Amino acid sequence: MNKAIFLDRDGTINDDPGYLKDPEQLILFPQVGESLFLLQQAGYNLVIVSNQSGVGRGLINREQLNQIHKRLDEILASFSVKLDHYALCLHRPEEGCACRKPEPKMIVDTARSLNIDLAHSYMVGDRICDLEAGRRARCRGSLLVRTGYGRFTESKMTQGQALFIADTLWETTHWILQHG
């Protein structure tokens, strides 16, 4: 079986301007490309797991979302990184869908399709819903980055909601590589 790093997008790997709709607004945080390269080299599948309610709200269309992910793929290719999958919830929160984080459906479905062992995989994000989705999916651990909403999230967390907390994905990557 494979192992994976499930990554929230906005606020975790890139700046979150609020309903990102222009590929030119996509700005990765420092050392994200290098971090993902190291994780990929260590044998982890890389999966984006993201709530994108802007689509359901009509603030962004699917073509814009596809262009943003195409731009992300281009940026990461310059680091020799290829994302294995995008798991996206396009619903509005009030729709009560089964896929929106903190529900684990996107992680569990991706694990099933990519033959991923969740007990050897991690969820990385900047919000409680990211951490909770990883916990509910029974990932080895949920890791919080203080980028995006991470510092605010940390101030609202209860003990044990995150297996590890770091300022950046770079620090998180080194922790994962040390602790497997």
C-alpha atoms as a PDB file:
ATOM      1  CA  MET A   1       0.000   0.000   0.000  1.00  0.00           C
ATOM      2  CA  ASN A   2       0.991   3.625  -0.533  1.00  0.00           C
ATOM      3  CA  LYS A   3       1.307   6.405   1.991  1.00  0.00           C
ATOM      4  CA  ALA A   4       0.219   9.992   1.432  1.00  0.00           C
ATOM      5  CA  ILE A   5       0.341  13.546   2.614  1.00  0.00           C
ATOM      6  CA  PHE A   6      -3.127  15.071   2.358  1.00  0.00           C
ATOM      7  CA  LEU A   7      -2.772  18.837   2.077  1.00  0.00           C
ATOM      8  CA  ASP A   8      -5.247  21.612   2.440  1.00  0.00           C
ATOM      9  CA  ARG A   9      -4.632  24.222  -0.278  1.00  0.00           C
ATOM     10  CA  ASP A  10      -5.461  27.821   0.688  1.00  0.00           C
ATOM     11  CA  GLY A  11      -3.616  28.891   3.820  1.00  0.00           C
ATOM     12  CA  THR A  12      -1.504  25.730   3.925  1.00  0.00           C
ATOM     13  CA  ILE A  13       0.537  25.689   0.711  1.00  0.00           C
ATOM     14  CA  ASN A  14      -0.464  29.074  -0.723  1.00  0.00           C
ATOM     15  CA  ASP A  15      -1.585  32.477   0.434  1.00  0.00           C
ATOM     16  CA  ASP A  16      -5.352  32.702   0.934  1.00  0.00           C
ATOM     17  CA  PRO A  17      -6.684  35.942  -0.570  1.00  0.00           C
ATOM     18  CA  GLY A  18     -10.274  34.729  -0.071  1.00  0.00           C
ATOM     19  CA  TYR A  19     -11.966  32.826  -2.893  1.00  0.00           C
ATOM     20  CA  LEU A  20      -8.907  32.604  -5.107  1.00  0.00           C
ATOM     21  CA  LYS A  21     -10.151  32.923  -8.693  1.00  0.00           C
ATOM     22  CA  ASP A  22      -7.208  34.212 -10.710  1.00  0.00           C
ATOM     23  CA  PRO A  23      -4.255  31.865 -11.354  1.00  0.00           C
ATOM     24  CA  GLU A  24      -1.943  34.892 -11.172  1.00  0.00           C
ATOM     25  CA  GLN A  25      -3.016  35.386  -7.531  1.00  0.00           C
ATOM     26  CA  LEU A  26      -1.661  31.947  -6.634  1.00  0.00           C
ATOM     27  CA  ILE A  27       1.370  32.567  -4.440  1.00  0.00           C
ATOM     28  CA  LEU A  28       3.010  29.602  -2.744  1.00  0.00           C
ATOM     29  CA  PHE A  29       4.402  30.044   0.732  1.00  0.00           C
ATOM     30  CA  PRO A  30       8.221  29.905   0.938  1.00  0.00           C
ATOM     31  CA  GLN A  31       9.793  26.451   0.582  1.00  0.00           C
ATOM     32  CA  VAL A  32       6.528  24.684  -0.333  1.00  0.00           C
ATOM     33  CA  GLY A  33       7.994  23.357  -3.583  1.00  0.00           C
ATOM     34  CA  GLU A  34      11.089  22.090  -1.825  1.00  0.00           C
ATOM     35  CA  SER A  35       8.980  20.550   0.953  1.00  0.00           C
ATOM     36  CA  LEU A  36       6.733  18.683  -1.451  1.00  0.00           C
ATOM     37  CA  PHE A  37       9.750  17.484  -3.405  1.00  0.00           C
ATOM     38  CA  LEU A  38      11.271  15.965  -0.240  1.00  0.00           C
ATOM     39  CA  LEU A  39       7.986  14.302   0.713  1.00  0.00           C
ATOM     40  CA  GLN A  40       7.539  12.897  -2.778  1.00  0.00           C
ATOM     41  CA  GLN A  41      11.122  11.604  -2.782  1.00  0.00           C
ATOM     42  CA  ALA A  42      10.391   9.898   0.553  1.00  0.00           C
ATOM     43  CA  GLY A  43       7.610   7.940  -1.151  1.00  0.00           C
ATOM     44  CA  TYR A  44       4.538   9.919  -0.158  1.00  0.00           C
ATOM     45  CA  ASN A  45       1.690  10.506  -2.583  1.00  0.00           C
ATOM     46  CA  LEU A  46       0.693  14.181  -2.536  1.00  0.00           C
ATOM     47  CA  VAL A  47      -3.020  14.937  -2.470  1.00  0.00           C
ATOM     48  CA  ILE A  48      -4.770  18.293  -2.262  1.00  0.00           C
ATOM     49  CA  VAL A  49      -7.928  18.050  -0.129  1.00  0.00           C
ATOM     50  CA  SER A  50      -9.790  21.333  -0.338  1.00  0.00           C
ATOM     51  CA  ASN A  51     -13.185  22.846   0.359  1.00  0.00           C
ATOM     52  CA  GLN A  52     -13.883  25.149  -2.588  1.00  0.00           C
ATOM     53  CA  SER A  53     -17.300  26.562  -1.743  1.00  0.00           C
ATOM     54  CA  GLY A  54     -16.623  29.548  -3.994  1.00  0.00           C
ATOM     55  CA  VAL A  55     -17.779  27.328  -6.865  1.00  0.00           C
ATOM     56  CA  GLY A  56     -21.058  26.476  -5.148  1.00  0.00           C
ATOM     57  CA  ARG A  57     -21.536  30.118  -4.224  1.00  0.00           C
ATOM     58  CA  GLY A  58     -21.035  31.201  -7.842  1.00  0.00           C
ATOM     59  CA  LEU A  59     -17.952  33.282  -6.967  1.00  0.00           C
ATOM     60  CA  ILE A  60     -15.664  31.150  -9.122  1.00  0.00           C
ATOM     61  CA  ASN A  61     -16.468  28.736 -11.934  1.00  0.00           C
ATOM     62  CA  ARG A  62     -14.991  25.292 -12.559  1.00  0.00           C
ATOM     63  CA  GLU A  63     -12.865  26.545 -15.448  1.00  0.00           C
ATOM     64  CA  GLN A  64     -11.241  29.157 -13.193  1.00  0.00           C
ATOM     65  CA  LEU A  65     -10.617  26.462 -10.588  1.00  0.00           C
ATOM     66  CA  ASN A  66      -9.068  24.230 -13.255  1.00  0.00           C
ATOM     67  CA  GLN A  67      -6.820  27.100 -14.372  1.00  0.00           C
ATOM     68  CA  ILE A  68      -5.666  27.681 -10.791  1.00  0.00           C
ATOM     69  CA  HIS A  69      -4.759  24.000 -10.455  1.00  0.00           C
ATOM     70  CA  LYS A  70      -3.046  24.038 -13.832  1.00  0.00           C
ATOM     71  CA  ARG A  71      -0.961  26.990 -12.586  1.00  0.00           C
ATOM     72  CA  LEU A  72      -0.216  25.146  -9.332  1.00  0.00           C
ATOM     73  CA  ASP A  73       0.898  22.101 -11.324  1.00  0.00           C
ATOM     74  CA  GLU A  74       3.181  24.315 -13.462  1.00  0.00           C
ATOM     75  CA  ILE A  75       4.757  25.970 -10.432  1.00  0.00           C
ATOM     76  CA  LEU A  76       5.337  22.626  -8.707  1.00  0.00           C
ATOM     77  CA  ALA A  77       6.754  21.072 -11.884  1.00  0.00           C
ATOM     78  CA  SER A  78       9.630  23.552 -11.610  1.00  0.00           C
ATOM     79  CA  PHE A  79      10.482  21.723  -8.346  1.00  0.00           C
ATOM     80  CA  SER A  80      10.033  18.298 -10.013  1.00  0.00           C
ATOM     81  CA  VAL A  81       6.843  17.770  -8.010  1.00  0.00           C
ATOM     82  CA  LYS A  82       3.676  16.200  -9.376  1.00  0.00           C
ATOM     83  CA  LEU A  83       0.525  16.150  -7.286  1.00  0.00           C
ATOM     84  CA  ASP A  84      -1.176  12.760  -7.365  1.00  0.00           C
ATOM     85  CA  HIS A  85      -4.756  13.933  -6.952  1.00  0.00           C
ATOM     86  CA  TYR A  86      -7.063  16.858  -6.225  1.00  0.00           C
ATOM     87  CA  ALA A  87      -9.987  15.988  -3.936  1.00  0.00           C
ATOM     88  CA  LEU A  88     -12.356  18.941  -3.959  1.00  0.00           C
ATOM     89  CA  CYS A  89     -15.675  19.777  -2.313  1.00  0.00           C
ATOM     90  CA  LEU A  90     -17.482  22.377  -4.427  1.00  0.00           C
ATOM     91  CA  HIS A  91     -20.554  22.619  -2.186  1.00  0.00           C
ATOM     92  CA  ARG A  92     -21.676  25.502   0.008  1.00  0.00           C
ATOM     93  CA  PRO A  93     -21.449  24.747   3.754  1.00  0.00           C
ATOM     94  CA  GLU A  94     -25.223  24.914   4.211  1.00  0.00           C
ATOM     95  CA  GLU A  95     -25.749  22.127   1.667  1.00  0.00           C
ATOM     96  CA  GLY A  96     -24.711  19.571   4.279  1.00  0.00           C
ATOM     97  CA  CYS A  97     -22.831  17.383   1.816  1.00  0.00           C
ATOM     98  CA  ALA A  98     -20.857  14.318   2.860  1.00  0.00           C
ATOM     99  CA  CYS A  99     -17.605  15.508   1.282  1.00  0.00           C
ATOM    100  CA  ARG A 100     -16.949  18.894   2.924  1.00  0.00           C
ATOM    101  CA  LYS A 101     -14.207  18.873   5.538  1.00  0.00           C
ATOM    102  CA  PRO A 102     -14.352  18.102   8.439  1.00  0.00           C
ATOM    103  CA  GLU A 103     -16.081  15.066   6.956  1.00  0.00           C
ATOM    104  CA  PRO A 104     -13.467  12.465   5.939  1.00  0.00           C
ATOM    105  CA  LYS A 105     -15.051  11.393   2.627  1.00  0.00           C
ATOM    106  CA  MET A 106     -12.531  13.107   0.327  1.00  0.00           C
ATOM    107  CA  ILE A 107      -9.618  11.512   2.174  1.00  0.00           C
ATOM    108  CA  VAL A 108     -11.207   8.066   2.471  1.00  0.00           C
ATOM    109  CA  ASP A 109     -12.325   7.973  -1.176  1.00  0.00           C
ATOM    110  CA  THR A 110      -8.883   9.069  -2.380  1.00  0.00           C
ATOM    111  CA  ALA A 111      -7.194   6.493  -0.162  1.00  0.00           C
ATOM    112  CA  ARG A 112      -9.383   3.790  -1.636  1.00  0.00           C
ATOM    113  CA  SER A 113      -8.726   4.823  -5.255  1.00  0.00           C
ATOM    114  CA  LEU A 114      -4.944   5.298  -4.822  1.00  0.00           C
ATOM    115  CA  ASN A 115      -4.443   2.296  -2.504  1.00  0.00           C
ATOM    116  CA  ILE A 116      -3.269   4.507   0.369  1.00  0.00           C
ATOM    117  CA  ASP A 117      -2.736   3.198   3.880  1.00  0.00           C
ATOM    118  CA  LEU A 118      -4.207   5.941   6.064  1.00  0.00           C
ATOM    119  CA  ALA A 119      -2.398   4.592   9.132  1.00  0.00           C
ATOM    120  CA  HIS A 120       0.868   5.710   7.465  1.00  0.00           C
ATOM    121  CA  SER A 121      -0.464   9.000   6.073  1.00  0.00           C
ATOM    122  CA  TYR A 122      -0.879  12.538   7.387  1.00  0.00           C
ATOM    123  CA  MET A 123      -3.303  15.411   6.920  1.00  0.00           C
ATOM    124  CA  VAL A 124      -1.732  18.897   6.938  1.00  0.00           C
ATOM    125  CA  GLY A 125      -3.783  22.060   7.218  1.00  0.00           C
ATOM    126  CA  ASP A 126      -4.354  25.417   8.845  1.00  0.00           C
ATOM    127  CA  ARG A 127      -7.905  24.978  10.165  1.00  0.00           C
ATOM    128  CA  ILE A 128      -9.765  22.806  12.657  1.00  0.00           C
ATOM    129  CA  CYS A 129     -11.790  21.248   9.808  1.00  0.00           C
ATOM    130  CA  ASP A 130      -8.528  20.001   8.226  1.00  0.00           C
ATOM    131  CA  LEU A 131      -7.326  18.453  11.464  1.00  0.00           C
ATOM    132  CA  GLU A 132     -10.715  16.899  12.148  1.00  0.00           C
ATOM    133  CA  ALA A 133     -10.980  15.432   8.628  1.00  0.00           C
ATOM    134  CA  GLY A 134      -7.628  13.710   9.121  1.00  0.00           C
ATOM    135  CA  ARG A 135      -8.669  12.392  12.525  1.00  0.00           C
ATOM    136  CA  ARG A 136     -12.034  11.117  11.253  1.00  0.00           C
ATOM    137  CA  ALA A 137     -10.322   9.437   8.290  1.00  0.00           C
ATOM    138  CA  ARG A 138      -7.995   7.715  10.773  1.00  0.00           C
ATOM    139  CA  CYS A 139      -4.807   9.174   9.352  1.00  0.00           C
ATOM    140  CA  ARG A 140      -1.685   8.586  11.404  1.00  0.00           C
ATOM    141  CA  GLY A 141      -1.905  12.214  12.421  1.00  0.00           C
ATOM    142  CA  SER A 142      -3.186  15.673  11.638  1.00  0.00           C
ATOM    143  CA  LEU A 143      -0.560  18.382  11.518  1.00  0.00           C
ATOM    144  CA  LEU A 144      -1.183  22.115  11.877  1.00  0.00           C
ATOM    145  CA  VAL A 145       0.796  24.798  10.073  1.00  0.00           C
ATOM    146  CA  ARG A 146       0.658  28.320  11.471  1.00  0.00           C
ATOM    147  CA  THR A 147       0.383  29.821   7.995  1.00  0.00           C
ATOM    148  CA  GLY A 148      -3.003  31.059   6.746  1.00  0.00           C
ATOM    149  CA  TYR A 149      -5.459  30.727   9.639  1.00  0.00           C
ATOM    150  CA  GLY A 150      -3.093  28.447  11.556  1.00  0.00           C
ATOM    151  CA  ARG A 151      -2.204  30.836  14.383  1.00  0.00           C
ATOM    152  CA  PHE A 152      -5.869  31.604  14.996  1.00  0.00           C
ATOM    153  CA  THR A 153      -6.692  27.888  14.817  1.00  0.00           C
ATOM    154  CA  GLU A 154      -3.976  27.101  17.347  1.00  0.00           C
ATOM    155  CA  SER A 155      -5.519  29.581  19.797  1.00  0.00           C
ATOM    156  CA  LYS A 156      -8.885  27.768  19.550  1.00  0.00           C
ATOM    157  CA  MET A 157      -7.670  24.144  19.591  1.00  0.00           C
ATOM    158  CA  THR A 158      -8.084  21.636  22.338  1.00  0.00           C
ATOM    159  CA  GLN A 159      -5.157  19.508  23.423  1.00  0.00           C
ATOM    160  CA  GLY A 160      -4.479  16.604  21.088  1.00  0.00           C
ATOM    161  CA  GLN A 161      -6.261  17.989  18.012  1.00  0.00           C
ATOM    162  CA  ALA A 162      -2.916  18.208  16.215  1.00  0.00           C
ATOM    163  CA  LEU A 163      -0.162  15.632  16.446  1.00  0.00           C
ATOM    164  CA  PHE A 164       2.368  18.345  15.570  1.00  0.00           C
ATOM    165  CA  ILE A 165       2.291  22.131  15.126  1.00  0.00           C
ATOM    166  CA  ALA A 166       4.842  24.055  13.071  1.00  0.00           C
ATOM    167  CA  ASP A 167       5.280  27.526  11.650  1.00  0.00           C
ATOM    168  CA  THR A 168       5.671  26.284   8.075  1.00  0.00           C
ATOM    169  CA  LEU A 169       5.239  23.320   5.772  1.00  0.00           C
ATOM    170  CA  TRP A 170       9.044  23.130   5.641  1.00  0.00           C
ATOM    171  CA  GLU A 171       9.199  22.439   9.400  1.00  0.00           C
ATOM    172  CA  THR A 172       6.294  19.998   9.114  1.00  0.00           C
ATOM    173  CA  THR A 173       8.066  18.157   6.301  1.00  0.00           C
ATOM    174  CA  HIS A 174      11.199  17.645   8.391  1.00  0.00           C
ATOM    175  CA  TRP A 175       9.086  16.388  11.296  1.00  0.00           C
ATOM    176  CA  ILE A 176       7.346  13.878   8.976  1.00  0.00           C
ATOM    177  CA  LEU A 177      10.666  12.707   7.559  1.00  0.00           C
ATOM    178  CA  GLN A 178      12.026  12.151  11.068  1.00  0.00           C
ATOM    179  CA  HIS A 179       8.928  10.428  12.454  1.00  0.00           C
ATOM    180  CA  GLY A 180       7.712   8.615   9.326  1.00  0.00           C
END
